[in-house]
Amino acid sequence: MVIEDSSAMDGSEGDNDIFLYRMVTIPEAPTMSEILPNPTTDSSVSLKWTDVASAQEYQIFRFKGDLSSPAELVTYDLSSINSFIDIIEEKGTYYYAITALNEFGESEISNIEYVEVNISKTFNFLGSLNFNAIMILGGIIVAVQIVFTTALYFLLKGKLKKNKKK
C-alpha cells in the first residue's frame, strides 16, 4: 500500500513524502483431501492438500495411534507442491495434518485426516525387486542352467564313447 503525505515533518518544509507499506501475513491453513484408499494394504500413503498462494513450504505431521500421541514431523520444506507420498512400515491408524509456512510465520494446522494401514509383515522376495532386478536374476538362472546342461552333455558323451570302446 502506498501513502502520499504532503505535511511538514520534523520542521521541514511541506513536501510530498511517499510511504510504502507492505502487508505482512502468515499463510492460510491448507485443507487436506480425504486419504484414499482407506483402509489400505499398501505401505504408500498418498497425501494431497489445497495449494496456499502465500506458502513457500509445507510441513507434514503424522500421529500414530491417536491424536494424544506425540506428532512426528514427517517432512519439511515441500516447496511449491501440494502432494506427498509417505511410506509406512507397520500396521496401524495414522493421522496427518499439514501447516503452510512463509517468511512471516506458520499457518494454523490443517484439518486432520486419517488412514488405517493393514500391511502384512510377510516378505515377498519377488515383490521387493524391480523389473530390472528380476530380469537379471532370471538371466543368471538361465546361464547357470546352460552351463550345467553343457557340462552334463559332455560328461555323458564321454561315458558313451568309453562304453562303445569296451
N, C-alpha and C. Protein backbone atom coordinates (compact mmCIF):
# COMPACT_ATOMS: atom_id res chain seq x y z
N MET A 1 0.84 -1.15 0.00
CA MET A 1 0.00 0.00 0.00
C MET A 1 0.91 1.24 0.00
N VAL A 2 0.59 2.21 -0.83
CA VAL A 2 1.38 3.44 -0.94
C VAL A 2 0.55 4.60 -0.39
N ILE A 3 1.19 5.41 0.48
CA ILE A 3 0.53 6.58 1.05
C ILE A 3 1.39 7.80 0.73
N GLU A 4 0.75 8.84 0.26
CA GLU A 4 1.45 10.09 -0.02
C GLU A 4 1.05 11.10 1.06
N ASP A 5 2.06 11.75 1.64
CA ASP A 5 1.81 12.71 2.72
C ASP A 5 2.49 14.02 2.36
N SER A 6 1.72 15.11 2.32
CA SER A 6 2.29 16.41 1.95
C SER A 6 2.51 17.32 3.16
N SER A 7 2.33 16.82 4.36
CA SER A 7 2.53 17.65 5.55
C SER A 7 4.01 17.77 5.87
N ALA A 8 4.35 18.82 6.61
CA ALA A 8 5.74 19.04 7.02
C ALA A 8 6.06 18.11 8.17
N MET A 9 7.21 17.49 8.10
CA MET A 9 7.62 16.57 9.15
C MET A 9 8.95 17.03 9.72
N ASP A 10 9.10 16.97 11.01
CA ASP A 10 10.33 17.32 11.71
C ASP A 10 10.86 18.70 11.29
N GLY A 11 9.98 19.67 11.16
CA GLY A 11 10.38 21.04 10.87
C GLY A 11 10.76 21.30 9.43
N SER A 12 10.57 20.34 8.57
CA SER A 12 10.91 20.57 7.15
C SER A 12 9.76 21.29 6.48
N GLU A 13 10.06 21.85 5.34
CA GLU A 13 9.00 22.50 4.58
C GLU A 13 8.07 21.43 4.05
N GLY A 14 6.89 21.85 3.70
CA GLY A 14 5.91 20.90 3.18
C GLY A 14 6.35 20.34 1.84
N ASP A 15 6.50 19.07 1.77
CA ASP A 15 6.82 18.38 0.52
C ASP A 15 6.03 17.09 0.48
N ASN A 16 6.12 16.43 -0.61
CA ASN A 16 5.38 15.16 -0.72
C ASN A 16 6.28 14.01 -0.29
N ASP A 17 5.88 13.33 0.75
CA ASP A 17 6.58 12.13 1.20
C ASP A 17 5.74 10.93 0.80
N ILE A 18 6.41 9.92 0.30
CA ILE A 18 5.71 8.71 -0.11
C ILE A 18 6.14 7.57 0.81
N PHE A 19 5.16 6.90 1.38
CA PHE A 19 5.41 5.78 2.28
C PHE A 19 4.86 4.51 1.63
N LEU A 20 5.67 3.48 1.67
CA LEU A 20 5.26 2.19 1.11
C LEU A 20 5.04 1.23 2.28
N TYR A 21 3.84 0.75 2.39
CA TYR A 21 3.51 -0.21 3.44
C TYR A 21 3.26 -1.57 2.79
N ARG A 22 3.85 -2.57 3.38
CA ARG A 22 3.69 -3.93 2.86
C ARG A 22 2.85 -4.72 3.85
N MET A 23 1.85 -5.39 3.32
CA MET A 23 1.01 -6.22 4.17
C MET A 23 1.79 -7.49 4.52
N VAL A 24 1.90 -7.76 5.79
CA VAL A 24 2.64 -8.92 6.26
C VAL A 24 1.64 -9.90 6.84
N THR A 25 1.53 -11.07 6.21
CA THR A 25 0.59 -12.07 6.71
C THR A 25 1.20 -13.46 6.65
N ILE A 26 0.81 -14.25 7.60
CA ILE A 26 1.19 -15.66 7.55
C ILE A 26 0.22 -16.37 6.60
N PRO A 27 0.60 -17.52 6.08
CA PRO A 27 -0.29 -18.21 5.14
C PRO A 27 -1.56 -18.73 5.81
N GLU A 28 -2.58 -18.91 4.99
CA GLU A 28 -3.79 -19.57 5.46
C GLU A 28 -3.49 -21.05 5.66
N ALA A 29 -4.30 -21.72 6.46
CA ALA A 29 -4.11 -23.16 6.68
C ALA A 29 -4.53 -23.92 5.43
N PRO A 30 -3.72 -24.90 5.01
CA PRO A 30 -4.13 -25.74 3.88
C PRO A 30 -5.29 -26.65 4.29
N THR A 31 -5.98 -27.20 3.31
CA THR A 31 -7.05 -28.16 3.56
C THR A 31 -6.63 -29.50 2.97
N MET A 32 -6.56 -30.52 3.83
CA MET A 32 -6.19 -31.85 3.35
C MET A 32 -7.37 -32.52 2.67
N SER A 33 -7.07 -33.27 1.62
CA SER A 33 -8.08 -34.11 0.97
C SER A 33 -8.20 -35.42 1.74
N GLU A 34 -9.32 -36.09 1.58
CA GLU A 34 -9.52 -37.39 2.21
C GLU A 34 -8.46 -38.35 1.69
N ILE A 35 -7.90 -39.17 2.58
CA ILE A 35 -6.87 -40.13 2.19
C ILE A 35 -7.55 -41.38 1.64
N LEU A 36 -7.24 -41.71 0.41
CA LEU A 36 -7.84 -42.87 -0.26
C LEU A 36 -6.75 -43.75 -0.84
N PRO A 37 -6.90 -45.05 -0.87
CA PRO A 37 -7.98 -45.82 -0.26
C PRO A 37 -7.82 -45.86 1.25
N ASN A 38 -8.91 -46.04 1.92
CA ASN A 38 -8.91 -46.12 3.37
C ASN A 38 -9.98 -47.12 3.81
N PRO A 39 -9.60 -48.26 4.38
CA PRO A 39 -8.25 -48.68 4.75
C PRO A 39 -7.43 -49.10 3.53
N THR A 40 -6.13 -49.23 3.76
CA THR A 40 -5.23 -49.62 2.68
C THR A 40 -4.33 -50.77 3.12
N THR A 41 -3.94 -51.60 2.17
CA THR A 41 -2.97 -52.67 2.44
C THR A 41 -1.61 -52.31 1.85
N ASP A 42 -1.51 -51.13 1.28
CA ASP A 42 -0.28 -50.65 0.67
C ASP A 42 0.51 -49.85 1.72
N SER A 43 1.83 -49.90 1.65
CA SER A 43 2.64 -49.13 2.59
C SER A 43 2.83 -47.69 2.15
N SER A 44 2.39 -47.34 0.94
CA SER A 44 2.49 -45.97 0.44
C SER A 44 1.18 -45.24 0.69
N VAL A 45 1.25 -44.16 1.44
CA VAL A 45 0.07 -43.36 1.75
C VAL A 45 0.19 -42.04 0.99
N SER A 46 -0.77 -41.79 0.11
CA SER A 46 -0.75 -40.59 -0.73
C SER A 46 -1.52 -39.46 -0.06
N LEU A 47 -0.82 -38.35 0.19
CA LEU A 47 -1.41 -37.18 0.83
C LEU A 47 -1.54 -36.05 -0.18
N LYS A 48 -2.67 -35.37 -0.15
CA LYS A 48 -2.90 -34.22 -1.05
C LYS A 48 -3.59 -33.12 -0.25
N TRP A 49 -3.31 -31.87 -0.63
CA TRP A 49 -3.92 -30.74 0.05
C TRP A 49 -4.04 -29.56 -0.90
N THR A 50 -4.84 -28.57 -0.48
CA THR A 50 -5.02 -27.39 -1.32
C THR A 50 -3.74 -26.56 -1.33
N ASP A 51 -3.50 -25.94 -2.45
CA ASP A 51 -2.34 -25.07 -2.60
C ASP A 51 -2.65 -23.74 -1.90
N VAL A 52 -1.72 -23.26 -1.10
CA VAL A 52 -1.88 -21.98 -0.42
C VAL A 52 -1.00 -20.97 -1.13
N ALA A 53 -1.60 -19.92 -1.67
CA ALA A 53 -0.89 -18.98 -2.54
C ALA A 53 0.34 -18.36 -1.88
N SER A 54 0.26 -17.97 -0.62
CA SER A 54 1.39 -17.29 0.02
C SER A 54 2.37 -18.25 0.69
N ALA A 55 2.15 -19.56 0.57
CA ALA A 55 3.04 -20.54 1.22
C ALA A 55 4.32 -20.71 0.41
N GLN A 56 5.43 -20.76 1.12
CA GLN A 56 6.71 -21.04 0.49
C GLN A 56 7.12 -22.50 0.71
N GLU A 57 6.58 -23.10 1.74
CA GLU A 57 6.85 -24.51 2.03
C GLU A 57 5.77 -25.05 2.94
N TYR A 58 5.77 -26.38 3.11
CA TYR A 58 4.78 -27.06 3.94
C TYR A 58 5.49 -27.99 4.91
N GLN A 59 4.82 -28.25 6.03
CA GLN A 59 5.28 -29.27 6.98
C GLN A 59 4.16 -30.29 7.12
N ILE A 60 4.53 -31.57 7.14
CA ILE A 60 3.54 -32.64 7.32
C ILE A 60 3.81 -33.31 8.66
N PHE A 61 2.75 -33.44 9.45
CA PHE A 61 2.84 -34.09 10.76
C PHE A 61 2.04 -35.38 10.73
N ARG A 62 2.62 -36.43 11.35
CA ARG A 62 1.95 -37.73 11.41
C ARG A 62 1.80 -38.12 12.88
N PHE A 63 0.61 -38.57 13.24
CA PHE A 63 0.33 -39.09 14.58
C PHE A 63 0.01 -40.56 14.40
N LYS A 64 0.61 -41.43 15.22
CA LYS A 64 0.30 -42.86 15.13
C LYS A 64 -0.57 -43.25 16.31
N GLY A 65 -1.61 -43.99 16.03
CA GLY A 65 -2.48 -44.48 17.09
C GLY A 65 -3.63 -43.56 17.37
N ASP A 66 -3.37 -42.47 18.09
CA ASP A 66 -4.43 -41.50 18.35
C ASP A 66 -3.82 -40.10 18.41
N LEU A 67 -4.68 -39.12 18.49
CA LEU A 67 -4.21 -37.73 18.43
C LEU A 67 -3.52 -37.27 19.71
N SER A 68 -3.60 -38.07 20.78
CA SER A 68 -2.90 -37.68 22.01
C SER A 68 -1.43 -38.10 21.97
N SER A 69 -1.07 -38.93 21.00
CA SER A 69 0.33 -39.33 20.86
C SER A 69 1.13 -38.17 20.29
N PRO A 70 2.44 -38.13 20.55
CA PRO A 70 3.24 -37.02 20.02
C PRO A 70 3.26 -37.03 18.49
N ALA A 71 3.24 -35.85 17.91
CA ALA A 71 3.28 -35.74 16.45
C ALA A 71 4.71 -35.91 15.98
N GLU A 72 4.86 -36.58 14.87
CA GLU A 72 6.17 -36.75 14.25
C GLU A 72 6.20 -35.89 13.00
N LEU A 73 7.24 -35.05 12.87
CA LEU A 73 7.39 -34.24 11.68
C LEU A 73 7.88 -35.16 10.57
N VAL A 74 7.03 -35.43 9.59
CA VAL A 74 7.36 -36.37 8.52
C VAL A 74 8.30 -35.73 7.53
N THR A 75 7.98 -34.52 7.12
CA THR A 75 8.84 -33.85 6.14
C THR A 75 8.70 -32.35 6.29
N TYR A 76 9.70 -31.67 5.82
CA TYR A 76 9.75 -30.22 5.92
C TYR A 76 10.25 -29.69 4.58
N ASP A 77 9.83 -28.50 4.23
CA ASP A 77 10.30 -27.82 3.02
C ASP A 77 9.84 -28.50 1.75
N LEU A 78 8.56 -28.76 1.65
CA LEU A 78 7.98 -29.24 0.41
C LEU A 78 7.61 -28.02 -0.41
N SER A 79 8.58 -27.45 -1.06
CA SER A 79 8.36 -26.20 -1.79
C SER A 79 7.48 -26.41 -3.00
N SER A 80 6.50 -25.58 -3.13
CA SER A 80 5.62 -25.44 -4.30
C SER A 80 4.99 -26.74 -4.81
N ILE A 81 4.78 -27.70 -3.94
CA ILE A 81 4.00 -28.88 -4.32
C ILE A 81 2.90 -29.07 -3.29
N ASN A 82 1.84 -29.72 -3.68
CA ASN A 82 0.76 -29.93 -2.72
C ASN A 82 0.36 -31.40 -2.64
N SER A 83 1.37 -32.27 -2.71
CA SER A 83 1.14 -33.70 -2.52
C SER A 83 2.43 -34.33 -2.00
N PHE A 84 2.26 -35.49 -1.35
CA PHE A 84 3.41 -36.19 -0.78
C PHE A 84 3.02 -37.64 -0.59
N ILE A 85 3.97 -38.56 -0.76
CA ILE A 85 3.72 -39.98 -0.50
C ILE A 85 4.55 -40.38 0.71
N ASP A 86 3.86 -40.80 1.75
CA ASP A 86 4.51 -41.25 2.98
C ASP A 86 4.61 -42.77 2.94
N ILE A 87 5.75 -43.30 3.36
CA ILE A 87 5.96 -44.75 3.40
C ILE A 87 5.80 -45.21 4.85
N ILE A 88 4.85 -46.11 5.05
CA ILE A 88 4.54 -46.64 6.38
C ILE A 88 5.11 -48.05 6.49
N GLU A 89 5.74 -48.33 7.62
CA GLU A 89 6.39 -49.63 7.78
C GLU A 89 5.65 -50.58 8.71
N GLU A 90 4.67 -50.08 9.45
CA GLU A 90 3.93 -51.00 10.31
C GLU A 90 2.45 -50.69 10.33
N LYS A 91 1.70 -51.73 10.62
CA LYS A 91 0.24 -51.67 10.66
C LYS A 91 -0.23 -50.68 11.73
N GLY A 92 -1.34 -49.99 11.46
CA GLY A 92 -1.90 -49.09 12.46
C GLY A 92 -2.74 -48.00 11.84
N THR A 93 -3.27 -47.15 12.70
CA THR A 93 -4.04 -45.99 12.26
C THR A 93 -3.13 -44.77 12.35
N TYR A 94 -3.07 -44.02 11.26
CA TYR A 94 -2.20 -42.85 11.18
C TYR A 94 -3.04 -41.61 10.88
N TYR A 95 -2.76 -40.54 11.61
CA TYR A 95 -3.44 -39.26 11.42
C TYR A 95 -2.43 -38.28 10.84
N TYR A 96 -2.88 -37.43 9.92
CA TYR A 96 -1.99 -36.46 9.28
C TYR A 96 -2.56 -35.06 9.38
N ALA A 97 -1.67 -34.09 9.51
CA ALA A 97 -2.02 -32.67 9.48
C ALA A 97 -0.89 -31.92 8.79
N ILE A 98 -1.21 -30.77 8.22
CA ILE A 98 -0.23 -30.00 7.45
C ILE A 98 -0.29 -28.54 7.89
N THR A 99 0.87 -27.90 7.88
CA THR A 99 0.92 -26.45 8.05
C THR A 99 1.65 -25.85 6.86
N ALA A 100 1.32 -24.61 6.54
CA ALA A 100 1.99 -23.86 5.48
C ALA A 100 2.89 -22.81 6.13
N LEU A 101 4.04 -22.56 5.53
CA LEU A 101 4.97 -21.58 6.08
C LEU A 101 5.37 -20.58 5.00
N ASN A 102 5.67 -19.36 5.46
CA ASN A 102 6.32 -18.38 4.60
C ASN A 102 7.27 -17.58 5.47
N GLU A 103 7.84 -16.53 4.94
CA GLU A 103 8.86 -15.78 5.69
C GLU A 103 8.30 -15.09 6.93
N PHE A 104 6.97 -14.99 7.06
CA PHE A 104 6.37 -14.30 8.19
C PHE A 104 5.83 -15.24 9.26
N GLY A 105 5.81 -16.53 9.01
CA GLY A 105 5.35 -17.45 10.03
C GLY A 105 4.69 -18.70 9.49
N GLU A 106 4.03 -19.40 10.41
CA GLU A 106 3.41 -20.69 10.12
C GLU A 106 1.89 -20.57 10.26
N SER A 107 1.18 -21.23 9.36
CA SER A 107 -0.28 -21.20 9.39
C SER A 107 -0.82 -22.00 10.57
N GLU A 108 -2.11 -21.88 10.77
CA GLU A 108 -2.80 -22.78 11.69
C GLU A 108 -2.71 -24.18 11.09
N ILE A 109 -2.97 -25.18 11.92
CA ILE A 109 -2.92 -26.56 11.44
C ILE A 109 -4.12 -26.84 10.53
N SER A 110 -3.91 -27.66 9.53
CA SER A 110 -4.99 -28.03 8.60
C SER A 110 -6.00 -28.92 9.31
N ASN A 111 -7.03 -29.29 8.57
CA ASN A 111 -7.92 -30.34 9.07
C ASN A 111 -7.09 -31.62 9.21
N ILE A 112 -7.56 -32.54 10.01
CA ILE A 112 -6.82 -33.79 10.25
C ILE A 112 -7.52 -34.92 9.51
N GLU A 113 -6.74 -35.68 8.76
CA GLU A 113 -7.26 -36.85 8.04
C GLU A 113 -6.53 -38.08 8.56
N TYR A 114 -7.19 -39.23 8.46
CA TYR A 114 -6.56 -40.46 8.95
C TYR A 114 -6.64 -41.55 7.88
N VAL A 115 -5.78 -42.56 8.07
CA VAL A 115 -5.80 -43.74 7.22
C VAL A 115 -5.47 -44.95 8.10
N GLU A 116 -6.15 -46.05 7.82
CA GLU A 116 -5.88 -47.30 8.50
C GLU A 116 -5.00 -48.14 7.58
N VAL A 117 -3.80 -48.48 8.03
CA VAL A 117 -2.85 -49.23 7.21
C VAL A 117 -2.80 -50.66 7.71
N ASN A 118 -3.07 -51.61 6.81
CA ASN A 118 -3.10 -53.04 7.17
C ASN A 118 -2.07 -53.81 6.37
N ILE A 119 -0.82 -53.38 6.42
CA ILE A 119 0.22 -54.11 5.68
C ILE A 119 0.63 -55.33 6.47
N SER A 120 0.94 -56.40 5.75
CA SER A 120 1.37 -57.63 6.42
C SER A 120 2.89 -57.65 6.48
N LYS A 121 3.40 -58.39 7.44
CA LYS A 121 4.84 -58.48 7.63
C LYS A 121 5.48 -59.60 6.82
N THR A 122 4.70 -60.30 5.98
CA THR A 122 5.28 -61.37 5.18
C THR A 122 6.21 -60.78 4.15
N PHE A 123 7.30 -61.48 3.89
CA PHE A 123 8.29 -60.99 2.94
C PHE A 123 8.04 -61.61 1.58
N ASN A 124 7.83 -60.80 0.61
CA ASN A 124 7.61 -61.24 -0.76
C ASN A 124 8.88 -60.93 -1.54
N PHE A 125 9.74 -61.95 -1.76
CA PHE A 125 11.04 -61.73 -2.38
C PHE A 125 10.92 -61.07 -3.74
N LEU A 126 10.11 -61.65 -4.64
CA LEU A 126 9.99 -61.07 -5.98
C LEU A 126 9.27 -59.74 -5.95
N GLY A 127 8.36 -59.54 -5.01
CA GLY A 127 7.65 -58.27 -4.91
C GLY A 127 8.56 -57.14 -4.47
N SER A 128 9.67 -57.49 -3.79
CA SER A 128 10.58 -56.44 -3.34
C SER A 128 11.61 -56.07 -4.40
N LEU A 129 11.60 -56.79 -5.53
CA LEU A 129 12.55 -56.49 -6.61
C LEU A 129 11.86 -55.71 -7.72
N ASN A 130 12.61 -54.86 -8.37
CA ASN A 130 12.03 -54.16 -9.52
C ASN A 130 12.21 -55.03 -10.76
N PHE A 131 11.65 -54.61 -11.88
CA PHE A 131 11.65 -55.40 -13.11
C PHE A 131 13.07 -55.73 -13.58
N ASN A 132 13.97 -54.76 -13.54
CA ASN A 132 15.35 -55.00 -13.99
C ASN A 132 16.05 -56.05 -13.13
N ALA A 133 15.84 -56.00 -11.83
CA ALA A 133 16.46 -56.98 -10.94
C ALA A 133 15.92 -58.38 -11.22
N ILE A 134 14.63 -58.50 -11.49
CA ILE A 134 14.04 -59.80 -11.81
C ILE A 134 14.62 -60.33 -13.12
N MET A 135 14.78 -59.46 -14.11
CA MET A 135 15.36 -59.88 -15.40
C MET A 135 16.81 -60.34 -15.22
N ILE A 136 17.58 -59.65 -14.42
CA ILE A 136 18.97 -60.04 -14.17
C ILE A 136 19.01 -61.38 -13.45
N LEU A 137 18.17 -61.55 -12.44
CA LEU A 137 18.10 -62.81 -11.71
C LEU A 137 17.71 -63.95 -12.65
N GLY A 138 16.72 -63.71 -13.52
CA GLY A 138 16.31 -64.72 -14.50
C GLY A 138 17.45 -65.06 -15.45
N GLY A 139 18.20 -64.06 -15.90
CA GLY A 139 19.34 -64.29 -16.79
C GLY A 139 20.42 -65.13 -16.13
N ILE A 140 20.68 -64.87 -14.86
CA ILE A 140 21.68 -65.66 -14.13
C ILE A 140 21.22 -67.11 -14.01
N ILE A 141 19.96 -67.33 -13.71
CA ILE A 141 19.43 -68.70 -13.59
C ILE A 141 19.54 -69.44 -14.92
N VAL A 142 19.18 -68.77 -16.02
CA VAL A 142 19.28 -69.40 -17.34
C VAL A 142 20.74 -69.71 -17.68
N ALA A 143 21.66 -68.79 -17.39
CA ALA A 143 23.08 -69.01 -17.68
C ALA A 143 23.62 -70.21 -16.90
N VAL A 144 23.27 -70.31 -15.63
CA VAL A 144 23.72 -71.45 -14.80
C VAL A 144 23.14 -72.74 -15.36
N GLN A 145 21.89 -72.72 -15.77
CA GLN A 145 21.27 -73.92 -16.34
C GLN A 145 21.98 -74.34 -17.63
N ILE A 146 22.35 -73.39 -18.47
CA ILE A 146 23.07 -73.71 -19.72
C ILE A 146 24.42 -74.33 -19.41
N VAL A 147 25.15 -73.77 -18.44
CA VAL A 147 26.46 -74.31 -18.07
C VAL A 147 26.32 -75.74 -17.57
N PHE A 148 25.38 -76.01 -16.67
CA PHE A 148 25.20 -77.37 -16.15
C PHE A 148 24.74 -78.34 -17.24
N THR A 149 23.85 -77.91 -18.12
CA THR A 149 23.38 -78.77 -19.20
C THR A 149 24.53 -79.12 -20.14
N THR A 150 25.36 -78.13 -20.48
CA THR A 150 26.51 -78.37 -21.36
C THR A 150 27.50 -79.32 -20.69
N ALA A 151 27.79 -79.10 -19.42
CA ALA A 151 28.72 -79.97 -18.70
C ALA A 151 28.18 -81.39 -18.63
N LEU A 152 26.89 -81.54 -18.35
CA LEU A 152 26.28 -82.87 -18.30
C LEU A 152 26.33 -83.55 -19.66
N TYR A 153 26.09 -82.79 -20.73
CA TYR A 153 26.13 -83.33 -22.09
C TYR A 153 27.52 -83.91 -22.39
N PHE A 154 28.58 -83.15 -22.10
CA PHE A 154 29.93 -83.63 -22.40
C PHE A 154 30.34 -84.79 -21.50
N LEU A 155 29.87 -84.80 -20.26
CA LEU A 155 30.17 -85.93 -19.37
C LEU A 155 29.51 -87.21 -19.89
N LEU A 156 28.24 -87.11 -20.25
CA LEU A 156 27.53 -88.28 -20.76
C LEU A 156 28.10 -88.73 -22.10
N LYS A 157 28.46 -87.80 -22.96
CA LYS A 157 29.04 -88.13 -24.27
C LYS A 157 30.37 -88.87 -24.10
N GLY A 158 31.16 -88.42 -23.13
CA GLY A 158 32.44 -89.08 -22.85
C GLY A 158 32.23 -90.49 -22.32
N LYS A 159 31.24 -90.72 -21.47
CA LYS A 159 30.96 -92.04 -20.92
C LYS A 159 30.46 -92.98 -22.02
N LEU A 160 29.64 -92.46 -22.93
CA LEU A 160 29.12 -93.29 -24.02
C LEU A 160 30.25 -93.75 -24.93
N LYS A 161 31.23 -92.89 -25.21
CA LYS A 161 32.36 -93.27 -26.06
C LYS A 161 33.19 -94.35 -25.39
N LYS A 162 33.40 -94.24 -24.06
CA LYS A 162 34.17 -95.24 -23.33
C LYS A 162 33.45 -96.58 -23.35
N ASN A 163 32.12 -96.57 -23.20
CA ASN A 163 31.33 -97.81 -23.20
C ASN A 163 31.34 -98.47 -24.57
N LYS A 164 31.38 -97.72 -25.66
CA LYS A 164 31.40 -98.29 -27.00
C LYS A 164 32.75 -98.95 -27.28
N LYS A 165 33.85 -98.42 -26.74
CA LYS A 165 35.18 -98.98 -26.97
C LYS A 165 35.34 -100.31 -26.26
N LYS A 166 34.65 -100.56 -25.22
CA LYS A 166 34.79 -101.80 -24.46
C LYS A 166 34.12 -102.90 -25.12
